[in-house]
Amino acid sequence: KEAGLVAVDTETTGLDPLSAELVGVSLSWKEREAVYIPLNAELGKDLVLALLKPFLENPKVLKGGQNSKFDWAVFRTHGIEPKGFAFDTMVESYLLDPSVRQHNLDAMALKHFHHVKIPTEDLIGKGKTAVSMAEVPVEKVGVYACEDVDFTYRLHRLFGPSLEREGLGKLYREVELPLVMVLEDMERQGITVDPEVLGKLSRDAGKAIEALTREIHRLAGEEFNIGSPQQLG
């Protein structure tokens, strides 16, 4: 609580925040230092969450992460309503360099710190033989999770001043950052759709595509696969 600004990351059993189980939480509030708090160790999940809840819901302690929308969604799924959301390194990276395709943590750690992070596959494997993060020994998960949250904290310390220098601070604070949690809420609530209206739109679009296809073939003087860039060329 005394740190004032903390990077937060979660380890889970899956990529769907509405169904994934929380395996552990990592925190960093100083460069090159981090802690990992496992939920599947001796203390037990309920006790750890009960201890973390007041900290995570304290608006006076500013918090953030990398792709925080996922972590905040996981916490909400587990009955915690985090407060004090203050930064997201993925959004910061995008604002500073929108032309770059990759804004994931591995790519940013390599680009800005020349550091190759531990691949997730080293812990859980890949393909059909992949295991859940909950099955990986706590010692291995701890090192991996601490590395993640440490570089998240370092990146924020790097990106924050850069946003101000580039005149992007107001856009970041007033538009992009609040939007992260708006999107999380939208994804959690879902939307209502009318299947009959969607069906009509689909049929109308299908008819329009058929008419355009016939006209293209007429203009070309032959039939070909319009969806093929080579044939279209």
Protein backbone atom coordinates (compact mmCIF):
# COMPACT_ATOMS: atom_id res chain seq x y z
CA LYS A 1 0.00 0.00 0.00
CA GLU A 2 2.88 2.34 0.74
CA ALA A 3 4.38 1.89 -2.75
CA GLY A 4 1.65 3.98 -4.37
CA LEU A 5 2.09 2.42 -7.84
CA VAL A 6 2.07 -1.33 -8.46
CA ALA A 7 2.23 -3.48 -11.58
CA VAL A 8 -0.16 -6.44 -11.35
CA ASP A 9 -0.26 -9.65 -13.38
CA THR A 10 -2.22 -12.88 -13.13
CA GLU A 11 -1.48 -16.50 -13.98
CA THR A 12 -4.53 -18.51 -15.01
CA THR A 13 -5.60 -21.88 -16.34
CA GLY A 14 -6.85 -20.42 -19.64
CA LEU A 15 -7.34 -17.42 -21.88
CA ASP A 16 -11.05 -16.86 -21.24
CA PRO A 17 -11.22 -14.52 -18.23
CA LEU A 18 -14.85 -15.42 -17.56
CA SER A 19 -14.08 -19.11 -17.04
CA ALA A 20 -10.34 -19.40 -16.29
CA GLU A 21 -9.22 -20.28 -12.79
CA LEU A 22 -6.81 -17.95 -11.04
CA VAL A 23 -3.51 -19.73 -10.32
CA GLY A 24 -1.48 -16.85 -8.91
CA VAL A 25 -0.88 -13.10 -8.77
CA SER A 26 2.43 -11.30 -9.25
CA LEU A 27 3.23 -7.76 -8.12
CA SER A 28 6.09 -5.34 -8.73
CA TRP A 29 6.57 -1.86 -7.33
CA LYS A 30 10.33 -1.52 -7.85
CA GLU A 31 12.49 -2.26 -10.88
CA ARG A 32 14.15 -5.69 -10.85
CA GLU A 33 12.04 -6.77 -7.90
CA ALA A 34 8.77 -8.70 -7.87
CA VAL A 35 6.76 -11.16 -5.81
CA TYR A 36 4.60 -14.10 -6.84
CA ILE A 37 1.65 -15.14 -4.71
CA PRO A 38 0.37 -18.64 -5.58
CA LEU A 39 -3.25 -19.54 -4.96
CA ASN A 40 -2.67 -23.28 -5.36
CA ALA A 41 -0.11 -23.63 -2.52
CA GLU A 42 -0.38 -24.22 1.21
CA LEU A 43 -2.33 -21.09 2.15
CA GLY A 44 -5.22 -21.93 -0.14
CA LYS A 45 -7.13 -19.89 -2.69
CA ASP A 46 -9.83 -18.47 -0.40
CA LEU A 47 -7.38 -17.08 2.16
CA VAL A 48 -5.09 -15.52 -0.46
CA LEU A 49 -7.99 -13.85 -2.25
CA ALA A 50 -9.36 -12.56 1.04
CA LEU A 51 -5.96 -10.98 1.79
CA LEU A 52 -5.56 -9.52 -1.71
CA LYS A 53 -9.09 -8.16 -2.00
CA PRO A 54 -8.65 -5.03 0.22
CA PHE A 55 -5.41 -4.15 -1.61
CA LEU A 56 -6.84 -4.63 -5.09
CA GLU A 57 -10.03 -2.74 -4.24
CA ASN A 58 -8.17 0.18 -2.65
CA PRO A 59 -8.49 3.15 -5.07
CA LYS A 60 -5.63 4.99 -3.38
CA VAL A 61 -3.10 2.40 -4.57
CA LEU A 62 -2.59 2.96 -8.29
CA LYS A 63 -2.31 -0.24 -10.31
CA GLY A 64 -1.80 -1.34 -13.88
CA GLY A 65 -0.42 -4.04 -16.09
CA GLN A 66 0.06 -5.43 -19.56
CA ASN A 67 -3.33 -6.04 -21.22
CA SER A 68 -4.99 -5.19 -17.91
CA LYS A 69 -8.43 -5.81 -19.35
CA PHE A 70 -7.76 -9.55 -19.02
CA ASP A 71 -6.41 -9.40 -15.47
CA TRP A 72 -9.21 -7.13 -14.23
CA ALA A 73 -11.77 -9.44 -15.83
CA VAL A 74 -10.22 -12.45 -14.05
CA PHE A 75 -10.37 -10.63 -10.71
CA ARG A 76 -14.00 -9.68 -11.27
CA THR A 77 -14.82 -13.30 -12.11
CA HIS A 78 -13.36 -14.22 -8.72
CA GLY A 79 -15.43 -11.69 -6.80
CA ILE A 80 -12.93 -8.82 -6.65
CA GLU A 81 -13.67 -5.35 -8.06
CA PRO A 82 -10.23 -3.75 -8.55
CA LYS A 83 -9.93 0.01 -8.15
CA GLY A 84 -7.17 2.49 -8.92
CA PHE A 85 -6.54 1.45 -12.54
CA ALA A 86 -3.74 3.76 -13.67
CA PHE A 87 -1.78 2.31 -16.58
CA ASP A 88 -1.63 -0.29 -19.32
CA THR A 89 1.68 -0.90 -21.07
CA MET A 90 0.06 -2.41 -24.16
CA VAL A 91 -1.99 0.75 -24.72
CA GLU A 92 1.04 2.92 -23.96
CA SER A 93 3.13 1.07 -26.52
CA TYR A 94 0.43 1.35 -29.17
CA LEU A 95 0.03 5.09 -28.68
CA LEU A 96 3.77 5.67 -28.88
CA ASP A 97 4.26 3.52 -31.98
CA PRO A 98 1.00 2.49 -33.68
CA SER A 99 2.85 1.28 -36.79
CA VAL A 100 4.41 -1.63 -34.87
CA ARG A 101 2.41 -4.84 -35.19
CA GLN A 102 3.41 -6.48 -31.91
CA HIS A 103 2.71 -4.91 -28.54
CA ASN A 104 3.00 -8.09 -26.48
CA LEU A 105 5.28 -8.21 -23.45
CA ASP A 106 7.89 -10.51 -25.02
CA ALA A 107 8.32 -8.24 -28.04
CA MET A 108 8.50 -5.07 -25.93
CA ALA A 109 11.01 -6.51 -23.44
CA LEU A 110 13.23 -7.51 -26.36
CA LYS A 111 12.87 -4.17 -28.15
CA HIS A 112 13.35 -1.82 -25.21
CA PHE A 113 15.55 -3.86 -22.85
CA HIS A 114 17.20 -6.40 -25.19
CA HIS A 115 15.90 -9.11 -22.89
CA VAL A 116 14.57 -12.48 -24.05
CA LYS A 117 11.79 -13.51 -21.68
CA ILE A 118 11.02 -17.06 -20.61
CA PRO A 119 8.69 -18.53 -23.27
CA THR A 120 5.33 -19.69 -21.95
CA GLU A 121 5.88 -22.98 -23.81
CA ASP A 122 8.86 -23.71 -21.54
CA LEU A 123 6.40 -24.07 -18.68
CA ILE A 124 3.24 -25.55 -20.15
CA GLY A 125 4.45 -27.07 -23.44
CA LYS A 126 2.42 -26.71 -26.62
CA GLY A 127 -0.11 -28.51 -28.76
CA LYS A 128 -1.86 -31.60 -27.49
CA THR A 129 0.75 -32.21 -24.79
CA ALA A 130 0.31 -28.73 -23.20
CA VAL A 131 -0.60 -28.67 -19.52
CA SER A 132 -2.40 -26.07 -17.43
CA MET A 133 -0.42 -23.43 -15.55
CA ALA A 134 -1.91 -24.92 -12.37
CA GLU A 135 0.07 -28.11 -13.05
CA VAL A 136 3.44 -26.35 -13.26
CA PRO A 137 5.54 -26.32 -10.05
CA VAL A 138 5.11 -23.08 -8.11
CA GLU A 139 8.87 -22.41 -8.20
CA LYS A 140 8.89 -22.35 -12.01
CA VAL A 141 5.71 -20.31 -12.31
CA GLY A 142 7.05 -17.84 -9.76
CA VAL A 143 10.17 -16.99 -11.76
CA TYR A 144 8.14 -16.66 -14.97
CA ALA A 145 5.42 -14.54 -13.35
CA CYS A 146 7.88 -12.24 -11.58
CA GLU A 147 9.74 -11.64 -14.82
CA ASP A 148 6.47 -10.68 -16.51
CA VAL A 149 5.38 -8.18 -13.89
CA ASP A 150 8.88 -6.75 -13.42
CA PHE A 151 9.16 -5.89 -17.12
CA THR A 152 5.63 -4.54 -17.09
CA TYR A 153 6.64 -2.14 -14.33
CA ARG A 154 9.86 -1.20 -16.13
CA LEU A 155 8.03 -0.55 -19.40
CA HIS A 156 5.53 1.73 -17.69
CA ARG A 157 8.35 3.72 -16.11
CA LEU A 158 9.80 4.07 -19.60
CA PHE A 159 6.58 4.79 -21.49
CA GLY A 160 4.95 7.21 -19.04
CA PRO A 161 7.38 10.13 -19.54
CA SER A 162 7.51 9.42 -23.29
CA LEU A 163 3.75 9.88 -23.60
CA GLU A 164 4.00 13.29 -21.95
CA ARG A 165 6.94 14.35 -24.15
CA GLU A 166 5.02 13.33 -27.28
CA GLY A 167 1.93 15.28 -26.20
CA LEU A 168 -0.10 12.08 -25.82
CA GLY A 169 -0.67 12.23 -22.08
CA LYS A 170 -4.15 13.73 -22.19
CA LEU A 171 -5.35 11.34 -24.91
CA TYR A 172 -3.98 8.43 -22.93
CA ARG A 173 -5.46 9.42 -19.56
CA GLU A 174 -8.84 10.74 -20.73
CA VAL A 175 -9.70 8.48 -23.66
CA GLU A 176 -7.60 5.36 -24.12
CA LEU A 177 -7.15 4.29 -20.50
CA PRO A 178 -10.82 4.67 -19.43
CA LEU A 179 -11.81 2.80 -22.60
CA VAL A 180 -9.95 -0.32 -21.40
CA MET A 181 -12.43 -0.91 -18.57
CA VAL A 182 -15.39 0.13 -20.71
CA LEU A 183 -14.43 -2.66 -23.12
CA GLU A 184 -14.05 -5.12 -20.25
CA ASP A 185 -17.54 -4.28 -19.05
CA MET A 186 -18.96 -4.61 -22.59
CA GLU A 187 -17.33 -8.01 -23.06
CA ARG A 188 -18.65 -9.20 -19.71
CA GLN A 189 -22.20 -7.97 -20.34
CA GLY A 190 -22.36 -9.06 -23.98
CA ILE A 191 -24.87 -7.67 -26.47
CA THR A 192 -28.42 -8.56 -27.49
CA VAL A 193 -28.92 -9.48 -31.13
CA ASP A 194 -32.00 -10.15 -33.27
CA PRO A 195 -31.32 -13.31 -35.34
CA GLU A 196 -34.13 -12.48 -37.79
CA VAL A 197 -32.66 -9.06 -38.59
CA LEU A 198 -29.17 -10.56 -38.90
CA GLY A 199 -30.54 -13.26 -41.20
CA LYS A 200 -32.17 -10.66 -43.46
CA LEU A 201 -28.94 -8.62 -43.58
CA SER A 202 -27.03 -11.76 -44.53
CA ARG A 203 -29.48 -12.66 -47.32
CA ASP A 204 -29.48 -9.11 -48.69
CA ALA A 205 -25.68 -8.99 -48.65
CA GLY A 206 -25.54 -12.37 -50.36
CA LYS A 207 -27.78 -11.17 -53.19
CA ALA A 208 -25.71 -8.00 -53.61
CA ILE A 209 -22.49 -10.04 -53.76
CA GLU A 210 -23.97 -12.35 -56.40
CA ALA A 211 -24.99 -9.36 -58.54
CA LEU A 212 -21.55 -7.74 -58.19
CA THR A 213 -19.84 -11.04 -59.03
CA ARG A 214 -21.84 -11.40 -62.27
CA GLU A 215 -21.01 -7.78 -63.22
CA ILE A 216 -17.28 -8.31 -62.52
CA HIS A 217 -17.25 -11.48 -64.63
CA ARG A 218 -19.06 -9.64 -67.44
CA LEU A 219 -16.55 -6.79 -67.39
CA ALA A 220 -13.62 -9.23 -67.29
CA GLY A 221 -15.03 -11.32 -70.14
CA GLU A 222 -14.54 -14.53 -68.18
CA GLU A 223 -15.28 -16.19 -64.85
CA PHE A 224 -12.57 -16.39 -62.19
CA ASN A 225 -12.15 -16.55 -58.41
CA ILE A 226 -12.48 -12.94 -57.28
CA GLY A 227 -11.27 -13.93 -53.82
CA SER A 228 -7.90 -15.01 -55.22
CA PRO A 229 -5.39 -12.10 -55.36
CA GLN A 230 -3.47 -13.92 -58.12
CA GLN A 231 -6.50 -14.54 -60.31
CA LEU A 232 -7.80 -11.03 -59.63
CA GLY A 233 -4.41 -9.63 -60.66
